[in-house]
Amino acid sequence: MRPEFSNSKVRMLGNMTMDDHITAACWLNISDPELHQKLIDYIKREKKNMNVHLSRRTGQGYEETKVATFNLFLNEPREEQSSQPTEGISNGGFPE
């Protein structure tokens, strides 16, 4: 199954190691405020998140090796935050 969003030209601006504390963010570039709010409401109501995979090309064509995987959760004000699931984020975000 092909993901809904992808980018084959991610540009790394510096070196990283497995010991670095890396954070991630996502902006929904939706200019329609009503549609934007409906999407946020759906994510919140259905307890959904975005899953991100980073891969490195290892050969010619599209042969790739996964180097990172993580979930992005909806930012909520601190007092409204519920406990976030930890599935898939142990072991540095890599599957065990």
N, C-alpha and C. Protein backbone atom coordinates (compact mmCIF):
# COMPACT_ATOMS: atom_id res chain seq x y z
N MET A 1 0.85 -1.18 0.00
CA MET A 1 0.00 0.00 0.00
C MET A 1 0.89 1.24 0.00
N ARG A 2 0.64 2.14 -0.88
CA ARG A 2 1.42 3.37 -0.99
C ARG A 2 0.91 4.40 0.03
N PRO A 3 1.81 5.09 0.74
CA PRO A 3 1.36 6.08 1.73
C PRO A 3 0.69 7.27 1.06
N GLU A 4 -0.17 7.96 1.82
CA GLU A 4 -0.88 9.11 1.28
C GLU A 4 0.07 10.27 0.98
N PHE A 5 1.13 10.42 1.76
CA PHE A 5 2.11 11.48 1.57
C PHE A 5 3.49 10.86 1.53
N SER A 6 4.39 11.42 0.74
CA SER A 6 5.78 10.95 0.73
C SER A 6 6.67 12.05 0.15
N ASN A 7 7.96 11.88 0.32
CA ASN A 7 8.93 12.83 -0.21
C ASN A 7 10.23 12.07 -0.42
N SER A 8 10.67 11.96 -1.65
CA SER A 8 11.89 11.20 -1.94
C SER A 8 13.13 12.09 -1.94
N LYS A 9 12.98 13.35 -1.56
CA LYS A 9 14.12 14.28 -1.58
C LYS A 9 14.27 14.98 -0.24
N VAL A 10 14.31 14.22 0.84
CA VAL A 10 14.52 14.79 2.17
C VAL A 10 15.98 15.20 2.28
N ARG A 11 16.20 16.42 2.69
CA ARG A 11 17.56 16.95 2.79
C ARG A 11 17.94 17.05 4.26
N MET A 12 18.96 16.33 4.67
CA MET A 12 19.44 16.38 6.03
C MET A 12 20.40 17.56 6.14
N LEU A 13 20.23 18.39 7.15
CA LEU A 13 21.05 19.59 7.31
C LEU A 13 22.21 19.38 8.27
N GLY A 14 22.35 18.19 8.79
CA GLY A 14 23.46 17.89 9.69
C GLY A 14 23.50 16.40 9.96
N ASN A 15 24.58 15.97 10.57
CA ASN A 15 24.74 14.56 10.93
C ASN A 15 23.99 14.27 12.22
N MET A 16 23.50 13.03 12.34
CA MET A 16 22.80 12.59 13.54
C MET A 16 23.35 11.24 13.94
N THR A 17 23.30 10.98 15.24
CA THR A 17 23.65 9.65 15.73
C THR A 17 22.43 9.10 16.47
N MET A 18 22.46 7.83 16.81
CA MET A 18 21.36 7.21 17.53
C MET A 18 21.24 7.78 18.94
N ASP A 19 22.29 8.42 19.46
CA ASP A 19 22.26 8.99 20.81
C ASP A 19 21.70 10.41 20.83
N ASP A 20 21.54 11.06 19.67
CA ASP A 20 21.01 12.42 19.61
C ASP A 20 19.54 12.43 19.98
N HIS A 21 19.12 13.47 20.66
CA HIS A 21 17.70 13.67 20.98
C HIS A 21 17.08 14.44 19.82
N ILE A 22 16.32 13.77 18.99
CA ILE A 22 15.73 14.35 17.78
C ILE A 22 14.23 14.55 18.03
N THR A 23 13.70 15.68 17.61
CA THR A 23 12.26 15.92 17.69
C THR A 23 11.71 16.05 16.28
N ALA A 24 10.40 15.95 16.15
CA ALA A 24 9.76 16.06 14.84
C ALA A 24 8.51 16.93 14.96
N ALA A 25 8.13 17.56 13.88
CA ALA A 25 6.93 18.40 13.86
C ALA A 25 6.29 18.28 12.49
N CYS A 26 5.01 18.62 12.44
CA CYS A 26 4.26 18.57 11.18
C CYS A 26 3.27 19.72 11.17
N TRP A 27 3.19 20.42 10.06
CA TRP A 27 2.22 21.48 9.87
C TRP A 27 1.24 21.02 8.80
N LEU A 28 -0.04 21.19 9.06
CA LEU A 28 -1.06 20.91 8.06
C LEU A 28 -1.26 22.18 7.26
N ASN A 29 -0.78 22.21 6.06
CA ASN A 29 -0.88 23.40 5.21
C ASN A 29 -2.23 23.43 4.52
N ILE A 30 -3.28 23.54 5.33
CA ILE A 30 -4.65 23.58 4.83
C ILE A 30 -5.15 25.01 5.03
N SER A 31 -5.44 25.70 3.94
CA SER A 31 -5.83 27.11 4.04
C SER A 31 -7.30 27.31 4.40
N ASP A 32 -8.11 26.27 4.26
CA ASP A 32 -9.53 26.36 4.60
C ASP A 32 -9.68 26.11 6.10
N PRO A 33 -9.99 27.13 6.92
CA PRO A 33 -10.07 26.97 8.37
C PRO A 33 -11.09 25.92 8.81
N GLU A 34 -12.21 25.84 8.11
CA GLU A 34 -13.24 24.86 8.48
C GLU A 34 -12.74 23.43 8.25
N LEU A 35 -12.12 23.20 7.12
CA LEU A 35 -11.57 21.88 6.82
C LEU A 35 -10.45 21.53 7.81
N HIS A 36 -9.59 22.49 8.10
CA HIS A 36 -8.50 22.29 9.05
C HIS A 36 -9.06 21.85 10.41
N GLN A 37 -10.09 22.55 10.90
CA GLN A 37 -10.68 22.21 12.20
C GLN A 37 -11.36 20.85 12.18
N LYS A 38 -12.02 20.51 11.06
CA LYS A 38 -12.66 19.19 10.95
C LYS A 38 -11.61 18.08 11.03
N LEU A 39 -10.48 18.28 10.39
CA LEU A 39 -9.41 17.28 10.43
C LEU A 39 -8.86 17.14 11.86
N ILE A 40 -8.61 18.25 12.52
CA ILE A 40 -8.12 18.21 13.90
C ILE A 40 -9.14 17.52 14.80
N ASP A 41 -10.43 17.86 14.65
CA ASP A 41 -11.48 17.24 15.45
C ASP A 41 -11.53 15.74 15.22
N TYR A 42 -11.39 15.31 13.97
CA TYR A 42 -11.40 13.87 13.65
C TYR A 42 -10.22 13.17 14.31
N ILE A 43 -9.04 13.74 14.18
CA ILE A 43 -7.84 13.12 14.78
C ILE A 43 -8.01 12.98 16.28
N LYS A 44 -8.54 14.01 16.91
CA LYS A 44 -8.75 14.01 18.36
C LYS A 44 -9.81 12.98 18.76
N ARG A 45 -10.95 13.02 18.08
CA ARG A 45 -12.08 12.13 18.41
C ARG A 45 -11.72 10.65 18.21
N GLU A 46 -11.04 10.35 17.12
CA GLU A 46 -10.73 8.96 16.78
C GLU A 46 -9.39 8.49 17.35
N LYS A 47 -8.70 9.39 18.09
CA LYS A 47 -7.40 9.08 18.71
C LYS A 47 -6.40 8.57 17.66
N LYS A 48 -6.30 9.32 16.56
CA LYS A 48 -5.39 8.98 15.45
C LYS A 48 -4.08 9.75 15.60
N ASN A 49 -3.08 9.34 14.86
CA ASN A 49 -1.81 10.05 14.80
C ASN A 49 -1.21 9.84 13.41
N MET A 50 -0.10 10.51 13.14
CA MET A 50 0.59 10.34 11.86
C MET A 50 1.84 9.50 12.10
N ASN A 51 2.05 8.53 11.23
CA ASN A 51 3.22 7.68 11.34
C ASN A 51 4.21 8.08 10.26
N VAL A 52 5.47 8.27 10.63
CA VAL A 52 6.51 8.71 9.70
C VAL A 52 7.60 7.64 9.64
N HIS A 53 8.05 7.34 8.44
CA HIS A 53 9.17 6.43 8.22
C HIS A 53 10.25 7.18 7.46
N LEU A 54 11.49 7.08 7.91
CA LEU A 54 12.62 7.62 7.17
C LEU A 54 13.43 6.46 6.64
N SER A 55 13.77 6.51 5.37
CA SER A 55 14.53 5.43 4.72
C SER A 55 15.73 6.00 4.00
N ARG A 56 16.74 5.17 3.84
CA ARG A 56 17.95 5.53 3.10
C ARG A 56 18.02 4.65 1.87
N ARG A 57 18.28 5.25 0.74
CA ARG A 57 18.47 4.45 -0.47
C ARG A 57 19.75 3.65 -0.34
N THR A 58 19.65 2.37 -0.64
CA THR A 58 20.81 1.49 -0.45
C THR A 58 21.34 0.93 -1.76
N GLY A 59 20.69 1.25 -2.83
CA GLY A 59 21.13 0.73 -4.12
C GLY A 59 20.53 1.56 -5.24
N GLN A 60 20.61 1.04 -6.42
CA GLN A 60 20.03 1.75 -7.55
C GLN A 60 18.51 1.61 -7.51
N GLY A 61 17.84 2.54 -8.11
CA GLY A 61 16.38 2.49 -8.15
C GLY A 61 15.79 2.86 -6.80
N TYR A 62 14.85 2.06 -6.34
CA TYR A 62 14.11 2.40 -5.13
C TYR A 62 14.37 1.42 -3.98
N GLU A 63 15.47 0.72 -4.00
CA GLU A 63 15.82 -0.17 -2.90
C GLU A 63 16.18 0.68 -1.68
N GLU A 64 15.48 0.49 -0.57
CA GLU A 64 15.66 1.34 0.59
C GLU A 64 15.79 0.53 1.87
N THR A 65 16.44 1.11 2.87
CA THR A 65 16.54 0.56 4.20
C THR A 65 15.93 1.55 5.17
N LYS A 66 14.99 1.09 6.01
CA LYS A 66 14.35 1.97 6.98
C LYS A 66 15.38 2.35 8.04
N VAL A 67 15.49 3.65 8.35
CA VAL A 67 16.44 4.12 9.36
C VAL A 67 15.72 4.71 10.58
N ALA A 68 14.45 5.06 10.45
CA ALA A 68 13.70 5.57 11.60
C ALA A 68 12.21 5.47 11.32
N THR A 69 11.45 5.30 12.36
CA THR A 69 10.00 5.31 12.28
C THR A 69 9.47 5.90 13.58
N PHE A 70 8.47 6.76 13.47
CA PHE A 70 7.92 7.37 14.67
C PHE A 70 6.51 7.89 14.39
N ASN A 71 5.77 8.15 15.45
CA ASN A 71 4.43 8.71 15.36
C ASN A 71 4.47 10.18 15.72
N LEU A 72 3.63 10.96 15.07
CA LEU A 72 3.40 12.36 15.44
C LEU A 72 2.02 12.43 16.06
N PHE A 73 1.94 13.05 17.24
CA PHE A 73 0.69 13.16 17.97
C PHE A 73 0.18 14.59 17.91
N LEU A 74 -1.10 14.74 18.01
CA LEU A 74 -1.74 16.05 18.01
C LEU A 74 -1.30 16.84 19.24
N ASN A 75 -0.82 18.06 19.04
CA ASN A 75 -0.46 18.93 20.16
C ASN A 75 -1.73 19.48 20.77
N GLU A 76 -1.85 19.33 22.08
CA GLU A 76 -2.98 19.87 22.81
C GLU A 76 -2.44 20.69 23.97
N PRO A 77 -3.22 21.65 24.46
CA PRO A 77 -2.76 22.34 25.67
C PRO A 77 -2.49 21.33 26.78
N ARG A 78 -1.49 21.59 27.59
CA ARG A 78 -1.04 20.63 28.62
C ARG A 78 -2.18 20.09 29.47
N GLU A 79 -3.12 20.95 29.90
CA GLU A 79 -4.19 20.49 30.79
C GLU A 79 -5.16 19.55 30.08
N GLU A 80 -5.21 19.56 28.73
CA GLU A 80 -6.12 18.70 27.98
C GLU A 80 -5.46 17.41 27.51
N GLN A 81 -4.15 17.30 27.65
CA GLN A 81 -3.46 16.13 27.13
C GLN A 81 -3.85 14.89 27.90
N SER A 82 -4.18 13.85 27.15
CA SER A 82 -4.39 12.54 27.75
C SER A 82 -3.08 11.78 27.62
N SER A 83 -2.97 10.67 28.28
CA SER A 83 -1.73 9.91 28.16
C SER A 83 -1.59 9.41 26.73
N GLN A 84 -0.42 9.61 26.15
CA GLN A 84 -0.18 9.22 24.77
C GLN A 84 0.28 7.77 24.71
N PRO A 85 -0.15 7.01 23.72
CA PRO A 85 0.31 5.63 23.58
C PRO A 85 1.81 5.59 23.34
N THR A 86 2.45 4.55 23.83
CA THR A 86 3.89 4.41 23.64
C THR A 86 4.24 3.32 22.64
N GLU A 87 3.24 2.67 22.06
CA GLU A 87 3.48 1.63 21.09
C GLU A 87 4.32 2.15 19.93
N GLY A 88 5.39 1.45 19.60
CA GLY A 88 6.20 1.79 18.45
C GLY A 88 7.25 2.85 18.71
N ILE A 89 7.35 3.35 19.95
CA ILE A 89 8.35 4.37 20.20
C ILE A 89 9.43 3.90 21.16
N SER A 90 9.33 2.68 21.64
CA SER A 90 10.42 2.15 22.46
C SER A 90 11.58 1.80 21.55
N ASN A 91 12.74 1.56 22.09
CA ASN A 91 13.91 1.18 21.30
C ASN A 91 14.24 2.26 20.28
N GLY A 92 14.15 3.53 20.68
CA GLY A 92 14.51 4.62 19.78
C GLY A 92 13.57 4.80 18.62
N GLY A 93 12.35 4.27 18.72
CA GLY A 93 11.39 4.42 17.64
C GLY A 93 11.46 3.31 16.60
N PHE A 94 12.38 2.35 16.81
CA PHE A 94 12.53 1.25 15.87
C PHE A 94 11.73 0.05 16.35
N PRO A 95 11.18 -0.74 15.45
CA PRO A 95 10.47 -1.96 15.86
C PRO A 95 11.44 -2.89 16.60
N GLU A 96 10.92 -3.59 17.58
CA GLU A 96 11.78 -4.48 18.37
C GLU A 96 11.95 -5.82 17.69
